[in-house]
């Protein structure tokens, strides 16, 4: 069959890399893709939110399955569009109603409370409630957790120790100057003191399959300091997630979440990414995402041993209960090379060299493009260097060895991925 993936980052490159291994695949297309995806699929110059152009391409190229990578088109209703326009097309992604679990932090919190999914206490405020939001902070102990309600490219969460600074940020967010439309509503929640991890579920809205768990590192600086980014690295599996904790996550978080989708009659055939905080060996949901994470996908896909395309087909058809998925016992790690200045202002167009010097790793391109015969940077996060090993220390050694071999002006990467797990 022919498959179209929407997206252009490391997540989409990793998904394409895995789908490419399936015997069921005939042709693989990615819209718009990047320089790395062009090596394993055909890049298509169509934007992720251009549904009409996507529809025309799908019809012309006999596409059987559409996989939506990023969150924006999901929140915009891409799956509803194609389930109405092309009902025979298999689509991996939730309906617009399902995508609200990521598109609105307040809606996600209400869903969790409605279905008894453990999460932090919270209140939400709109732009007419700046004073109320500031007053609410007086009742909390620091740190203060502020979340823009809408999509903010992974950067809409602030954790602040100073009360006055928190009040200034409340005003900046609700005034519209900080996160634009994403900050029209603000969620302030209780700070949970624990350790983070991510759980990934493939669900057809009734049944589910657990994908490998992962832990990612969002802060730009070593020691988890500085600004939030889209992700600086990840490891899988999570060493501290033992059998007892896995059982709690399934019973207290995953199963009530999937049951909740069914109870709310939400059309959901795709990924549910559950961000967790583990507090005293108890899981609490920090957030839902309605697609795979990035850079977590880069460590999750190499650990899936079975035919992933067959699992996606079963999901799209509502037959996931009959699908078998096998996972590797090996560990996987990824280290993200980023442009100098990221996540703030950075320059593009820097020549990348040294890729032919790498080995014992998989390179997933995130922000790259070809400029003539030169590979150049085209984003803040540039290349994810993924490696596997008998444990995450072995895999990390390979990732870091190869990180030193790739060169471009301003290159930066965190040298302490996995430091908290040693």
Protein backbone atom coordinates (compact mmCIF):
# COMPACT_ATOMS: atom_id res chain seq x y z
CA UNK A 1 0.00 0.00 0.00
CA UNK A 2 0.96 3.66 -0.37
CA UNK A 3 1.36 5.75 2.79
CA UNK A 4 1.49 9.52 3.33
CA UNK A 5 3.00 11.02 6.50
CA UNK A 6 2.35 14.67 7.38
CA UNK A 7 5.23 16.54 9.03
CA UNK A 8 8.84 17.59 8.66
CA UNK A 9 10.67 16.82 11.88
CA UNK A 10 12.65 14.12 13.61
CA UNK A 11 9.43 12.45 14.72
CA UNK A 12 8.26 12.04 11.14
CA UNK A 13 11.69 10.82 10.01
CA UNK A 14 11.62 8.15 12.76
CA UNK A 15 8.07 7.08 11.87
CA UNK A 16 9.03 6.88 8.20
CA UNK A 17 12.16 4.88 9.05
CA UNK A 18 10.05 2.30 10.89
CA UNK A 19 7.23 2.11 8.33
CA UNK A 20 9.81 1.70 5.55
CA UNK A 21 10.69 -1.71 7.04
CA UNK A 22 7.22 -3.16 6.39
CA UNK A 23 6.62 -5.68 3.63
CA UNK A 24 3.14 -4.19 3.26
CA UNK A 25 4.55 -0.87 2.02
CA UNK A 26 4.75 0.00 -1.67
CA UNK A 27 5.40 3.76 -1.75
CA UNK A 28 6.07 6.17 1.11
CA UNK A 29 5.49 9.93 0.87
CA UNK A 30 6.13 12.70 3.40
CA UNK A 31 4.66 16.19 3.26
CA UNK A 32 6.71 18.30 3.45
CA UNK A 33 9.57 16.21 4.90
CA UNK A 34 13.21 17.24 5.25
CA UNK A 35 16.62 16.38 3.81
CA UNK A 36 16.80 13.16 5.81
CA UNK A 37 13.35 11.86 4.89
CA UNK A 38 14.21 12.37 1.23
CA UNK A 39 16.63 9.44 1.52
CA UNK A 40 13.92 6.93 2.45
CA UNK A 41 10.71 8.41 0.99
CA UNK A 42 9.46 10.95 -1.52
CA UNK A 43 9.11 14.45 -0.08
CA UNK A 44 6.02 16.35 -1.21
CA UNK A 45 5.89 20.16 -1.11
CA UNK A 46 2.54 20.38 0.70
CA UNK A 47 2.00 22.07 4.08
CA UNK A 48 0.62 20.10 7.01
CA UNK A 49 -2.47 22.32 7.19
CA UNK A 50 -3.25 22.42 3.45
CA UNK A 51 -6.02 19.81 3.55
CA UNK A 52 -7.28 20.40 0.01
CA UNK A 53 -3.83 19.94 -1.54
CA UNK A 54 -3.38 16.82 0.59
CA UNK A 55 -6.74 15.49 -0.63
CA UNK A 56 -5.76 16.01 -4.26
CA UNK A 57 -2.42 14.28 -3.72
CA UNK A 58 -4.03 11.33 -1.90
CA UNK A 59 -6.48 10.77 -4.75
CA UNK A 60 -3.81 11.09 -7.44
CA UNK A 61 -1.31 8.76 -5.75
CA UNK A 62 -3.69 6.07 -4.47
CA UNK A 63 -2.80 6.63 -0.81
CA UNK A 64 -4.30 4.00 1.51
CA UNK A 65 -3.12 5.30 4.88
CA UNK A 66 -2.52 8.83 6.18
CA UNK A 67 -0.41 9.28 9.33
CA UNK A 68 -0.54 12.75 10.90
CA UNK A 69 2.70 13.60 12.73
CA UNK A 70 2.34 17.07 14.34
CA UNK A 71 -0.36 18.40 16.64
CA UNK A 72 -1.44 21.54 14.74
CA UNK A 73 -3.35 19.84 11.87
CA UNK A 74 -4.95 17.43 14.37
CA UNK A 75 -6.27 20.33 16.44
CA UNK A 76 -7.42 21.98 13.18
CA UNK A 77 -9.52 18.90 12.34
CA UNK A 78 -7.54 17.13 9.60
CA UNK A 79 -8.88 13.70 10.58
CA UNK A 80 -12.52 14.85 10.51
CA UNK A 81 -11.87 16.38 7.10
CA UNK A 82 -10.58 13.15 5.56
CA UNK A 83 -13.03 10.83 7.29
CA UNK A 84 -15.78 12.88 5.65
CA UNK A 85 -14.15 13.52 2.26
CA UNK A 86 -12.41 10.15 1.78
CA UNK A 87 -14.16 7.59 4.03
CA UNK A 88 -12.14 4.65 2.61
CA UNK A 89 -8.83 6.29 3.56
CA UNK A 90 -7.28 4.88 6.74
CA UNK A 91 -6.34 7.82 8.98
CA UNK A 92 -4.10 7.69 12.05
CA UNK A 93 -5.04 10.53 14.37
CA UNK A 94 -7.90 11.59 16.62
CA UNK A 95 -10.92 13.62 15.65
CA UNK A 96 -10.93 17.34 16.40
CA UNK A 97 -12.82 16.59 19.62
CA UNK A 98 -10.12 14.10 20.62
CA UNK A 99 -7.35 16.53 19.68
CA UNK A 100 -8.73 18.98 22.23
CA UNK A 101 -6.95 16.89 24.87
CA UNK A 102 -3.79 18.59 23.62
CA UNK A 103 -5.34 21.71 22.13
CA UNK A 104 -6.74 22.84 25.48
CA UNK A 105 -5.06 22.22 28.83
CA UNK A 106 -8.33 23.12 30.59
CA UNK A 107 -10.31 20.61 28.51
CA UNK A 108 -7.71 17.93 29.27
CA UNK A 109 -7.95 18.65 33.00
CA UNK A 110 -11.73 18.35 32.89
CA UNK A 111 -11.40 15.02 31.04
CA UNK A 112 -9.00 13.70 33.69
CA UNK A 113 -11.28 14.74 36.54
CA UNK A 114 -14.33 13.31 34.78
CA UNK A 115 -12.69 9.92 34.35
CA UNK A 116 -10.75 9.75 37.64
CA UNK A 117 -7.31 10.02 36.08
CA UNK A 118 -4.83 11.23 38.75
CA UNK A 119 -3.50 14.73 38.08
CA UNK A 120 -2.44 17.89 39.92
CA UNK A 121 -5.05 20.21 41.41
CA UNK A 122 -5.68 23.26 39.21
CA UNK A 123 -7.79 26.27 38.25
CA UNK A 124 -8.17 27.92 34.85
CA UNK A 125 -8.58 31.62 34.07
CA UNK A 126 -9.44 33.63 30.96
CA UNK A 127 -8.32 37.10 29.89
CA UNK A 128 -11.00 38.80 31.99
CA UNK A 129 -9.65 37.17 35.16
CA UNK A 130 -6.12 38.51 35.50
CA UNK A 131 -6.71 39.71 39.07
CA UNK A 132 -8.35 36.43 40.07
CA UNK A 133 -5.41 34.49 38.66
CA UNK A 134 -2.90 36.66 40.53
CA UNK A 135 -4.89 36.33 43.76
CA UNK A 136 -5.02 32.54 43.32
CA UNK A 137 -1.22 32.43 43.32
CA UNK A 138 -1.29 33.85 46.86
CA UNK A 139 -2.90 30.60 48.03
CA UNK A 140 -0.17 28.37 46.56
CA UNK A 141 3.29 27.42 47.70
CA UNK A 142 6.15 27.85 45.22
CA UNK A 143 7.13 26.76 42.64
CA UNK A 144 4.22 28.15 40.61
CA UNK A 145 3.17 26.22 37.48
CA UNK A 146 1.63 28.34 34.69
CA UNK A 147 0.38 26.71 31.49
CA UNK A 148 -0.92 28.42 28.35
CA UNK A 149 -4.17 26.65 27.53
CA UNK A 150 -3.53 26.29 23.78
CA UNK A 151 -0.70 25.05 21.56
CA UNK A 152 2.58 26.83 22.15
CA UNK A 153 5.10 24.57 20.38
CA UNK A 154 6.10 22.84 23.62
CA UNK A 155 7.11 26.13 25.25
CA UNK A 156 3.85 27.17 26.96
CA UNK A 157 4.72 25.98 30.48
CA UNK A 158 6.46 28.16 33.05
CA UNK A 159 7.66 26.95 36.46
CA UNK A 160 8.63 29.88 38.67
CA UNK A 161 9.87 30.18 42.26
CA UNK A 162 9.19 33.90 42.80
CA UNK A 163 5.61 35.01 43.48
CA UNK A 164 5.98 38.48 41.98
CA UNK A 165 7.61 37.09 38.85
CA UNK A 166 4.77 34.57 38.56
CA UNK A 167 2.21 37.39 38.78
CA UNK A 168 4.03 39.31 36.04
CA UNK A 169 3.97 36.24 33.81
CA UNK A 170 0.25 35.72 34.48
CA UNK A 171 -0.34 39.25 33.21
CA UNK A 172 1.95 38.73 30.20
CA UNK A 173 0.23 35.47 29.25
CA UNK A 174 -3.35 36.65 29.62
CA UNK A 175 -2.64 39.98 27.94
CA UNK A 176 -1.80 38.09 24.76
CA UNK A 177 1.78 39.28 24.56
CA UNK A 178 3.45 36.06 25.74
CA UNK A 179 1.86 33.21 23.78
CA UNK A 180 -0.73 34.93 21.57
CA UNK A 181 -3.95 32.97 21.12
CA UNK A 182 -2.51 30.01 23.02
CA UNK A 183 -2.56 32.17 26.15
CA UNK A 184 -6.18 33.32 25.93
CA UNK A 185 -6.81 30.93 28.80
CA UNK A 186 -4.34 30.08 31.54
CA UNK A 187 -4.13 27.00 33.75
CA UNK A 188 -2.43 27.37 37.13
CA UNK A 189 -1.78 24.07 38.85
CA UNK A 190 -0.22 22.55 41.92
CA UNK A 191 3.47 21.73 41.58
CA UNK A 192 4.22 18.02 41.74
CA UNK A 193 7.66 17.13 43.08
CA UNK A 194 8.80 13.94 41.38
CA UNK A 195 10.45 12.58 38.27
CA UNK A 196 8.99 12.78 34.76
CA UNK A 197 8.47 10.07 32.20
CA UNK A 198 6.38 9.60 29.05
CA UNK A 199 4.02 6.78 28.16
CA UNK A 200 2.86 6.14 24.58
CA UNK A 201 -0.31 4.32 23.63
CA UNK A 202 -1.66 3.33 20.23
CA UNK A 203 -5.44 3.13 20.56
CA UNK A 204 -8.44 2.62 18.29
CA UNK A 205 -10.70 4.16 20.92
CA UNK A 206 -11.63 0.78 22.41
CA UNK A 207 -8.43 -1.23 22.75
CA UNK A 208 -4.82 -0.17 23.07
CA UNK A 209 -1.21 -1.27 22.71
CA UNK A 210 1.53 0.07 24.96
CA UNK A 211 4.56 1.38 23.07
CA UNK A 212 7.95 1.69 24.80
CA UNK A 213 8.11 4.27 27.58
CA UNK A 214 10.66 7.09 27.45
CA UNK A 215 12.08 10.00 29.38
CA UNK A 216 12.93 13.20 27.55
CA UNK A 217 14.88 16.29 28.50
CA UNK A 218 13.22 19.60 27.68
CA UNK A 219 15.49 22.27 29.18
CA UNK A 220 18.20 23.82 27.03
CA UNK A 221 20.82 23.80 29.78
CA UNK A 222 22.64 20.97 31.48
CA UNK A 223 21.31 20.01 34.89
CA UNK A 224 17.81 20.74 33.51
CA UNK A 225 18.31 24.49 33.64
CA UNK A 226 17.25 27.29 31.33
CA UNK A 227 14.42 27.67 28.85
CA UNK A 228 12.12 24.89 27.71
CA UNK A 229 12.78 23.54 24.21
CA UNK A 230 11.05 21.05 21.95
CA UNK A 231 13.35 18.41 23.45
CA UNK A 232 17.13 17.97 23.78
CA UNK A 233 17.30 14.19 24.10
CA UNK A 234 15.57 11.07 25.37
CA UNK A 235 16.15 7.56 26.72
CA UNK A 236 14.06 4.39 26.55
CA UNK A 237 13.11 2.35 28.52
CA UNK A 238 12.85 4.33 31.74
CA UNK A 239 15.15 2.56 34.25
CA UNK A 240 13.09 3.44 37.35
CA UNK A 241 9.82 2.16 35.88
CA UNK A 242 9.65 -1.31 37.40
CA UNK A 243 6.87 -3.88 37.04
CA UNK A 244 4.89 -2.49 39.98
CA UNK A 245 4.94 1.06 38.60
CA UNK A 246 4.04 -0.16 35.11
CA UNK A 247 1.01 -1.92 36.59
CA UNK A 248 -0.09 1.30 38.34
CA UNK A 249 0.33 3.33 35.15
CA UNK A 250 -1.83 0.89 33.18
CA UNK A 251 -4.55 0.55 35.81
CA UNK A 252 -4.71 4.15 37.11
CA UNK A 253 -3.85 6.14 33.98
CA UNK A 254 -3.95 4.31 30.64
CA UNK A 255 -7.09 2.22 31.06
CA UNK A 256 -9.29 5.00 32.51
CA UNK A 257 -8.03 7.35 29.77
CA UNK A 258 -8.97 4.91 26.98
CA UNK A 259 -12.29 4.10 28.68
CA UNK A 260 -12.90 7.83 28.94
CA UNK A 261 -12.53 8.25 25.18
CA UNK A 262 -15.16 5.55 24.65
CA UNK A 263 -17.51 6.95 27.32
CA UNK A 264 -17.28 10.43 25.79
CA UNK A 265 -17.89 8.89 22.34
CA UNK A 266 -14.72 10.45 20.97
CA UNK A 267 -13.54 9.13 17.59
CA UNK A 268 -9.93 8.33 18.42
CA UNK A 269 -7.69 6.18 16.24
CA UNK A 270 -4.11 7.14 16.87
CA UNK A 271 -1.49 7.90 19.49
CA UNK A 272 -2.08 9.05 23.04
CA UNK A 273 1.10 10.44 24.58
CA UNK A 274 0.76 10.70 28.36
CA UNK A 275 3.23 12.90 30.21
CA UNK A 276 3.60 11.64 33.77
CA UNK A 277 5.10 12.85 37.02
CA UNK A 278 6.00 9.99 39.33
CA UNK A 279 5.57 11.09 42.96
CA UNK A 280 6.47 8.52 45.62
CA UNK A 281 5.97 5.74 43.05
CA UNK A 282 2.50 7.03 42.15
CA UNK A 283 1.74 8.28 38.59
CA UNK A 284 0.09 11.67 37.99
CA UNK A 285 -0.74 12.99 34.52
CA UNK A 286 0.93 16.29 33.68
CA UNK A 287 -0.48 16.48 30.16
CA UNK A 288 -1.92 14.59 27.23
CA UNK A 289 -0.53 14.92 23.71
CA UNK A 290 -2.51 13.45 20.82
CA UNK A 291 0.48 12.41 18.68
CA UNK A 292 3.89 10.90 19.23
CA UNK A 293 6.47 12.99 21.07
CA UNK A 294 9.67 14.45 19.70
CA UNK A 295 12.44 13.45 20.47
CA UNK A 296 10.81 10.43 22.17
CA UNK A 297 9.71 8.91 18.85
CA UNK A 298 13.38 8.68 17.93
CA UNK A 299 13.98 6.24 20.83
CA UNK A 300 10.60 4.49 20.73
CA UNK A 301 10.60 3.40 17.06
CA UNK A 302 13.96 1.52 17.16
CA UNK A 303 12.62 -0.58 20.06
CA UNK A 304 9.59 -1.87 18.12
CA UNK A 305 10.51 -5.20 16.54
CA UNK A 306 7.20 -6.11 14.87
CA UNK A 307 5.70 -4.72 11.65
CA UNK A 308 4.58 -1.27 12.76
CA UNK A 309 2.59 -0.55 9.61
CA UNK A 310 0.42 -3.60 10.33
CA UNK A 311 -0.30 -2.19 13.80
CA UNK A 312 -1.29 1.16 12.25
CA UNK A 313 -3.62 -0.59 9.80
CA UNK A 314 -5.24 -2.54 12.66
CA UNK A 315 -5.66 0.71 14.60
CA UNK A 316 -7.29 2.52 11.68
CA UNK A 317 -9.69 -0.39 11.15
CA UNK A 318 -10.62 -0.64 14.83
CA UNK A 319 -9.02 -4.10 15.06
CA UNK A 320 -6.17 -3.39 17.44
CA UNK A 321 -7.28 -6.12 19.86
CA UNK A 322 -6.18 -8.71 17.27
CA UNK A 323 -2.77 -7.16 16.64
CA UNK A 324 0.45 -8.36 18.24
CA UNK A 325 3.29 -5.94 18.89
CA UNK A 326 6.73 -7.08 20.02
CA UNK A 327 9.32 -4.83 21.68
CA UNK A 328 13.09 -5.10 21.97
CA UNK A 329 14.76 -5.43 25.37
CA UNK A 330 17.59 -3.18 24.17
CA UNK A 331 17.86 0.41 25.35
CA UNK A 332 17.76 3.39 22.99
CA UNK A 333 19.02 6.95 23.47
CA UNK A 334 18.98 10.08 21.38
CA UNK A 335 20.95 13.32 21.64
CA UNK A 336 19.65 16.37 19.78
CA UNK A 337 22.04 18.72 17.98
CA UNK A 338 20.58 22.24 17.92
CA UNK A 339 21.38 25.60 16.36
CA UNK A 340 23.24 28.21 18.38
CA UNK A 341 20.79 30.52 20.15
CA UNK A 342 17.91 28.01 20.19
CA UNK A 343 15.22 28.09 21.64
CA UNK A 344 15.44 31.85 21.10
CA UNK A 345 16.69 33.53 17.92
CA UNK A 346 19.01 31.42 15.75
CA UNK A 347 20.39 31.46 12.22
CA UNK A 348 19.58 28.94 9.50
CA UNK A 349 21.56 27.86 6.47
CA UNK A 350 24.69 26.61 8.27
CA UNK A 351 26.46 23.83 6.34
CA UNK A 352 26.41 20.43 8.07
CA UNK A 353 29.35 18.06 7.62
CA UNK A 354 30.62 14.84 9.15
CA UNK A 355 27.56 12.64 8.64
CA UNK A 356 29.64 10.16 6.64
CA UNK A 357 31.96 9.85 9.66
CA UNK A 358 29.20 8.49 11.91
CA UNK A 359 28.54 4.83 12.72
CA UNK A 360 26.65 2.62 15.18
CA UNK A 361 23.80 5.10 15.21
CA UNK A 362 20.69 6.27 13.35
CA UNK A 363 20.48 9.91 12.27
CA UNK A 364 16.98 11.36 12.34
CA UNK A 365 16.84 14.77 10.68
CA UNK A 366 14.72 17.43 12.37
CA UNK A 367 15.62 20.79 10.83
CA UNK A 368 17.64 20.22 7.67
CA UNK A 369 17.36 20.91 3.95
CA UNK A 370 19.50 20.68 0.83
CA UNK A 371 20.97 23.91 -0.53
CA UNK A 372 22.29 22.79 -3.89
CA UNK A 373 24.61 19.92 -3.05
CA UNK A 374 25.09 21.05 0.56
CA UNK A 375 23.18 19.87 3.61
CA UNK A 376 22.31 22.91 5.76
CA UNK A 377 20.44 23.69 8.98
CA UNK A 378 16.81 24.70 8.61
CA UNK A 379 15.52 24.82 12.18
CA UNK A 380 16.35 25.10 15.85
CA UNK A 381 16.61 21.38 16.41
CA UNK A 382 18.76 19.98 13.62
CA UNK A 383 19.57 16.26 13.95
CA UNK A 384 18.74 13.58 16.53
CA UNK A 385 21.50 11.01 17.03
CA UNK A 386 19.92 7.73 18.14
CA UNK A 387 21.78 4.63 19.27
CA UNK A 388 20.85 1.31 20.85
CA UNK A 389 22.70 -0.86 23.35
CA UNK A 390 22.40 -3.44 26.08
CA UNK A 391 21.60 -0.57 28.50
CA UNK A 392 21.14 3.16 28.21
CA UNK A 393 24.73 3.91 29.28
CA UNK A 394 26.05 1.80 26.40
CA UNK A 395 23.64 3.48 23.98
CA UNK A 396 24.48 6.98 25.27
CA UNK A 397 28.19 6.41 24.72
CA UNK A 398 27.44 5.73 21.04
CA UNK A 399 25.13 8.75 20.70
CA UNK A 400 27.73 11.09 22.20
CA UNK A 401 30.60 9.63 20.20
CA UNK A 402 28.72 10.45 17.02
CA UNK A 403 27.52 13.86 18.25
CA UNK A 404 31.14 15.00 18.22
CA UNK A 405 31.59 13.91 14.59
CA UNK A 406 28.81 16.04 13.08
CA UNK A 407 29.80 19.67 12.58
CA UNK A 408 28.02 22.94 11.82
CA UNK A 409 28.55 26.51 12.96
CA UNK A 410 26.95 27.14 16.37
CA UNK A 411 26.29 23.45 17.09
CA UNK A 412 25.15 22.80 20.65
CA UNK A 413 24.00 19.71 22.51
CA UNK A 414 23.47 18.76 26.13
CA UNK A 415 26.22 16.51 27.45
CA UNK A 416 24.21 15.20 30.42
CA UNK A 417 21.28 13.32 28.87
CA UNK A 418 20.45 10.47 31.28
CA UNK A 419 22.52 12.07 34.06
CA UNK A 420 19.69 11.78 36.58
CA UNK A 421 19.27 8.06 35.89
CA UNK A 422 22.86 6.97 36.54
